[in-house]
N, C-alpha and C. Protein backbone atom coordinates (compact mmCIF):
# COMPACT_ATOMS: atom_id res chain seq x y z
N MET A 1 0.84 -1.19 0.00
CA MET A 1 0.00 0.00 0.00
C MET A 1 0.88 1.24 0.00
N VAL A 2 0.59 2.18 -0.86
CA VAL A 2 1.36 3.41 -0.96
C VAL A 2 0.64 4.49 -0.15
N MET A 3 1.39 5.14 0.76
CA MET A 3 0.81 6.20 1.58
C MET A 3 0.98 7.54 0.88
N THR A 4 -0.06 8.37 0.93
CA THR A 4 0.04 9.71 0.37
C THR A 4 0.80 10.60 1.35
N GLN A 5 1.22 11.77 0.89
CA GLN A 5 1.94 12.71 1.74
C GLN A 5 1.08 13.11 2.95
N LEU A 6 -0.22 13.33 2.74
CA LEU A 6 -1.11 13.71 3.83
C LEU A 6 -1.19 12.59 4.87
N GLU A 7 -1.30 11.35 4.44
CA GLU A 7 -1.37 10.23 5.37
C GLU A 7 -0.08 10.10 6.18
N ARG A 8 1.06 10.36 5.55
CA ARG A 8 2.34 10.27 6.25
C ARG A 8 2.48 11.35 7.32
N SER A 9 1.81 12.48 7.15
CA SER A 9 1.98 13.58 8.09
C SER A 9 1.04 13.48 9.29
N LYS A 10 0.09 12.56 9.27
CA LYS A 10 -0.82 12.40 10.40
C LYS A 10 -0.07 11.78 11.57
N PRO A 11 -0.23 12.36 12.76
CA PRO A 11 0.52 11.83 13.92
C PRO A 11 -0.08 10.54 14.45
N VAL A 12 0.72 9.83 15.22
CA VAL A 12 0.23 8.72 16.02
C VAL A 12 -0.32 9.38 17.28
N VAL A 13 -1.56 9.05 17.66
CA VAL A 13 -2.23 9.71 18.78
C VAL A 13 -2.42 8.72 19.93
N VAL A 14 -2.08 9.18 21.14
CA VAL A 14 -2.24 8.35 22.34
C VAL A 14 -2.99 9.17 23.39
N GLY A 15 -4.03 8.59 23.96
CA GLY A 15 -4.75 9.23 25.05
C GLY A 15 -3.98 9.07 26.35
N ILE A 16 -3.84 10.18 27.06
CA ILE A 16 -3.11 10.20 28.32
C ILE A 16 -4.06 10.61 29.44
N ASP A 17 -4.23 9.71 30.43
CA ASP A 17 -5.12 10.01 31.55
C ASP A 17 -4.40 10.02 32.89
N GLY A 18 -3.09 9.89 32.85
CA GLY A 18 -2.31 9.88 34.09
C GLY A 18 -2.01 8.49 34.61
N SER A 19 -2.56 7.47 33.98
CA SER A 19 -2.34 6.10 34.45
C SER A 19 -1.04 5.52 33.89
N GLN A 20 -0.58 4.45 34.53
CA GLN A 20 0.61 3.75 34.02
C GLN A 20 0.31 3.10 32.68
N ALA A 21 -0.92 2.65 32.48
CA ALA A 21 -1.30 2.05 31.21
C ALA A 21 -1.18 3.06 30.06
N ALA A 22 -1.52 4.31 30.32
CA ALA A 22 -1.38 5.36 29.30
C ALA A 22 0.10 5.62 28.99
N ILE A 23 0.93 5.63 30.03
CA ILE A 23 2.38 5.80 29.83
C ILE A 23 2.91 4.64 28.99
N ASP A 24 2.48 3.43 29.32
CA ASP A 24 2.91 2.25 28.56
C ASP A 24 2.48 2.34 27.09
N ALA A 25 1.26 2.80 26.86
CA ALA A 25 0.78 2.96 25.49
C ALA A 25 1.61 3.99 24.73
N ALA A 26 1.95 5.08 25.41
CA ALA A 26 2.76 6.13 24.77
C ALA A 26 4.15 5.61 24.43
N THR A 27 4.76 4.85 25.32
CA THR A 27 6.10 4.34 25.03
C THR A 27 6.04 3.30 23.90
N TRP A 28 4.99 2.52 23.85
CA TRP A 28 4.82 1.57 22.75
C TRP A 28 4.66 2.31 21.43
N ALA A 29 3.93 3.44 21.43
CA ALA A 29 3.63 4.19 20.21
C ALA A 29 4.85 4.91 19.65
N VAL A 30 5.89 5.09 20.46
CA VAL A 30 7.10 5.76 19.97
C VAL A 30 7.66 5.04 18.76
N ALA A 31 7.80 3.73 18.83
CA ALA A 31 8.36 2.97 17.70
C ALA A 31 7.51 3.13 16.45
N GLU A 32 6.20 3.16 16.62
CA GLU A 32 5.30 3.34 15.47
C GLU A 32 5.50 4.71 14.84
N ALA A 33 5.55 5.74 15.66
CA ALA A 33 5.74 7.10 15.14
C ALA A 33 7.09 7.23 14.44
N VAL A 34 8.15 6.67 15.04
CA VAL A 34 9.48 6.74 14.45
C VAL A 34 9.50 6.00 13.12
N SER A 35 8.91 4.81 13.08
CA SER A 35 8.93 4.02 11.84
C SER A 35 8.15 4.70 10.72
N LEU A 36 7.11 5.44 11.06
CA LEU A 36 6.32 6.16 10.05
C LEU A 36 6.88 7.55 9.75
N GLY A 37 7.78 8.03 10.60
CA GLY A 37 8.33 9.37 10.41
C GLY A 37 7.33 10.46 10.67
N VAL A 38 6.46 10.24 11.67
CA VAL A 38 5.42 11.21 12.01
C VAL A 38 5.54 11.58 13.48
N PRO A 39 4.94 12.69 13.89
CA PRO A 39 4.96 13.06 15.31
C PRO A 39 4.12 12.11 16.15
N LEU A 40 4.38 12.12 17.44
CA LEU A 40 3.58 11.40 18.43
C LEU A 40 2.79 12.45 19.19
N ARG A 41 1.47 12.37 19.13
CA ARG A 41 0.61 13.37 19.80
C ARG A 41 0.00 12.73 21.04
N LEU A 42 0.27 13.34 22.19
CA LEU A 42 -0.28 12.91 23.47
C LEU A 42 -1.46 13.81 23.79
N VAL A 43 -2.62 13.22 24.03
CA VAL A 43 -3.84 14.00 24.23
C VAL A 43 -4.50 13.62 25.55
N HIS A 44 -4.82 14.62 26.34
CA HIS A 44 -5.60 14.43 27.57
C HIS A 44 -6.97 15.07 27.31
N VAL A 45 -8.03 14.29 27.53
CA VAL A 45 -9.39 14.79 27.32
C VAL A 45 -10.09 14.89 28.65
N SER A 46 -10.59 16.08 28.95
CA SER A 46 -11.35 16.32 30.17
C SER A 46 -12.83 16.35 29.84
N ALA A 47 -13.63 15.77 30.70
CA ALA A 47 -15.08 15.81 30.50
C ALA A 47 -15.60 17.17 30.91
N ALA A 48 -16.47 17.72 30.09
CA ALA A 48 -17.10 19.00 30.41
C ALA A 48 -18.22 18.75 31.41
N LYS A 49 -18.24 19.52 32.48
CA LYS A 49 -19.32 19.38 33.48
C LYS A 49 -20.61 19.98 32.93
N GLN A 50 -20.47 21.09 32.21
CA GLN A 50 -21.61 21.73 31.57
C GLN A 50 -21.20 22.02 30.14
N ALA A 51 -22.03 21.63 29.20
CA ALA A 51 -21.68 21.77 27.79
C ALA A 51 -21.47 23.23 27.39
N ARG A 52 -22.13 24.16 28.06
CA ARG A 52 -22.04 25.56 27.64
C ARG A 52 -21.00 26.37 28.42
N ARG A 53 -20.33 25.74 29.35
CA ARG A 53 -19.33 26.45 30.14
C ARG A 53 -18.12 26.74 29.27
N PRO A 54 -17.70 28.02 29.19
CA PRO A 54 -16.52 28.34 28.37
C PRO A 54 -15.25 27.77 28.98
N PRO A 55 -14.24 27.46 28.13
CA PRO A 55 -12.98 26.90 28.62
C PRO A 55 -12.29 27.76 29.67
N ALA A 56 -12.49 29.07 29.65
CA ALA A 56 -11.84 29.95 30.61
C ALA A 56 -12.27 29.65 32.04
N GLU A 57 -13.39 28.94 32.20
CA GLU A 57 -13.88 28.62 33.54
C GLU A 57 -13.41 27.25 34.01
N ASP A 58 -12.41 26.67 33.33
CA ASP A 58 -11.86 25.39 33.76
C ASP A 58 -11.40 25.51 35.20
N ARG A 59 -11.61 24.45 35.95
CA ARG A 59 -11.08 24.44 37.31
C ARG A 59 -9.58 24.29 37.22
N PRO A 60 -8.83 25.09 37.96
CA PRO A 60 -7.36 25.04 37.85
C PRO A 60 -6.79 23.65 38.09
N TRP A 61 -7.38 22.86 39.01
CA TRP A 61 -6.81 21.55 39.28
C TRP A 61 -7.05 20.58 38.11
N ASP A 62 -8.13 20.78 37.33
CA ASP A 62 -8.35 19.94 36.14
C ASP A 62 -7.24 20.18 35.12
N VAL A 63 -6.93 21.43 34.89
CA VAL A 63 -5.88 21.79 33.94
C VAL A 63 -4.53 21.33 34.47
N GLU A 64 -4.30 21.53 35.76
CA GLU A 64 -3.03 21.12 36.36
C GLU A 64 -2.86 19.60 36.28
N ARG A 65 -3.92 18.85 36.53
CA ARG A 65 -3.86 17.40 36.44
C ARG A 65 -3.55 16.96 35.01
N ALA A 66 -4.18 17.60 34.04
CA ALA A 66 -3.93 17.27 32.63
C ALA A 66 -2.50 17.59 32.25
N GLU A 67 -2.02 18.77 32.63
CA GLU A 67 -0.65 19.15 32.31
C GLU A 67 0.36 18.22 32.97
N SER A 68 0.09 17.81 34.20
CA SER A 68 0.98 16.91 34.91
C SER A 68 1.05 15.54 34.24
N ALA A 69 -0.10 15.02 33.84
CA ALA A 69 -0.15 13.72 33.17
C ALA A 69 0.60 13.77 31.84
N LEU A 70 0.40 14.84 31.08
CA LEU A 70 1.08 14.98 29.80
C LEU A 70 2.59 15.15 29.99
N TYR A 71 2.98 15.92 30.99
CA TYR A 71 4.40 16.13 31.27
C TYR A 71 5.08 14.81 31.64
N ARG A 72 4.44 14.04 32.49
CA ARG A 72 5.01 12.75 32.89
C ARG A 72 5.20 11.83 31.68
N ALA A 73 4.21 11.77 30.81
CA ALA A 73 4.31 10.95 29.61
C ALA A 73 5.40 11.46 28.68
N GLU A 74 5.44 12.77 28.50
CA GLU A 74 6.45 13.36 27.61
C GLU A 74 7.86 13.12 28.13
N MET A 75 8.07 13.25 29.43
CA MET A 75 9.41 13.03 29.99
C MET A 75 9.81 11.55 29.90
N THR A 76 8.85 10.65 30.07
CA THR A 76 9.13 9.23 29.93
C THR A 76 9.60 8.93 28.51
N ILE A 77 8.93 9.52 27.53
CA ILE A 77 9.31 9.34 26.13
C ILE A 77 10.68 9.97 25.86
N HIS A 78 10.88 11.15 26.37
CA HIS A 78 12.17 11.84 26.19
C HIS A 78 13.32 10.98 26.74
N ASP A 79 13.10 10.36 27.89
CA ASP A 79 14.14 9.54 28.51
C ASP A 79 14.48 8.29 27.69
N MET A 80 13.60 7.93 26.75
CA MET A 80 13.88 6.78 25.88
C MET A 80 15.00 7.08 24.88
N GLY A 81 15.21 8.38 24.60
CA GLY A 81 16.27 8.77 23.68
C GLY A 81 15.98 8.48 22.21
N ARG A 82 14.72 8.29 21.86
CA ARG A 82 14.35 8.01 20.47
C ARG A 82 14.08 9.31 19.72
N PRO A 83 14.37 9.37 18.43
CA PRO A 83 14.17 10.60 17.65
C PRO A 83 12.71 10.77 17.23
N VAL A 84 11.88 11.17 18.16
CA VAL A 84 10.46 11.36 17.86
C VAL A 84 10.03 12.76 18.29
N GLN A 85 9.25 13.40 17.44
CA GLN A 85 8.68 14.70 17.78
C GLN A 85 7.41 14.46 18.60
N VAL A 86 7.35 15.05 19.79
CA VAL A 86 6.19 14.86 20.67
C VAL A 86 5.37 16.14 20.69
N GLU A 87 4.08 15.99 20.47
CA GLU A 87 3.12 17.09 20.57
C GLU A 87 2.17 16.76 21.72
N THR A 88 1.69 17.77 22.41
CA THR A 88 0.71 17.54 23.48
C THR A 88 -0.50 18.43 23.27
N ALA A 89 -1.64 17.95 23.76
CA ALA A 89 -2.87 18.72 23.65
C ALA A 89 -3.81 18.36 24.79
N ILE A 90 -4.55 19.37 25.23
CA ILE A 90 -5.61 19.16 26.21
C ILE A 90 -6.92 19.52 25.51
N ALA A 91 -7.86 18.58 25.52
CA ALA A 91 -9.15 18.80 24.87
C ALA A 91 -10.27 18.63 25.87
N ARG A 92 -11.41 19.16 25.53
CA ARG A 92 -12.59 19.05 26.37
C ARG A 92 -13.65 18.26 25.62
N ALA A 93 -14.17 17.22 26.25
CA ALA A 93 -15.24 16.42 25.66
C ALA A 93 -16.57 17.12 25.89
N CYS A 94 -17.39 17.11 24.91
CA CYS A 94 -18.72 17.70 25.00
C CYS A 94 -19.72 16.60 25.29
N ARG A 95 -20.33 16.63 26.45
CA ARG A 95 -21.28 15.56 26.82
C ARG A 95 -22.49 15.52 25.89
N LEU A 96 -22.93 16.70 25.42
CA LEU A 96 -24.06 16.71 24.50
C LEU A 96 -23.67 16.03 23.19
N CYS A 97 -22.42 16.23 22.77
CA CYS A 97 -21.94 15.60 21.52
C CYS A 97 -21.89 14.09 21.68
N ALA A 98 -21.49 13.61 22.84
CA ALA A 98 -21.36 12.17 23.08
C ALA A 98 -22.71 11.49 23.13
N ASP A 99 -23.77 12.24 23.50
CA ASP A 99 -25.10 11.65 23.63
C ASP A 99 -25.81 11.51 22.29
N ARG A 100 -25.25 12.07 21.26
CA ARG A 100 -25.92 12.03 19.94
C ARG A 100 -25.70 10.73 19.24
């Protein structure tokens, strides 16, 4: 199968929730990202308590917990010494969207 340029640029994505299983998944995904020559994107998704609440009203500890989980995963990957570009993102899940 021949991959197009767009397909090659899509990152390998791993959900990070702060658990050891998420760290293990991220370290496993490093080899995949390196072999494909694409970035590794670590994503933490927080559940929205209210669908209409703007992101600026995030509780500080929710953001801090997400940043801490992503940092731990990123440092674990960095310590592996593999040539992989790591991207991180924090997203908010919309409960109304999930119910559809």
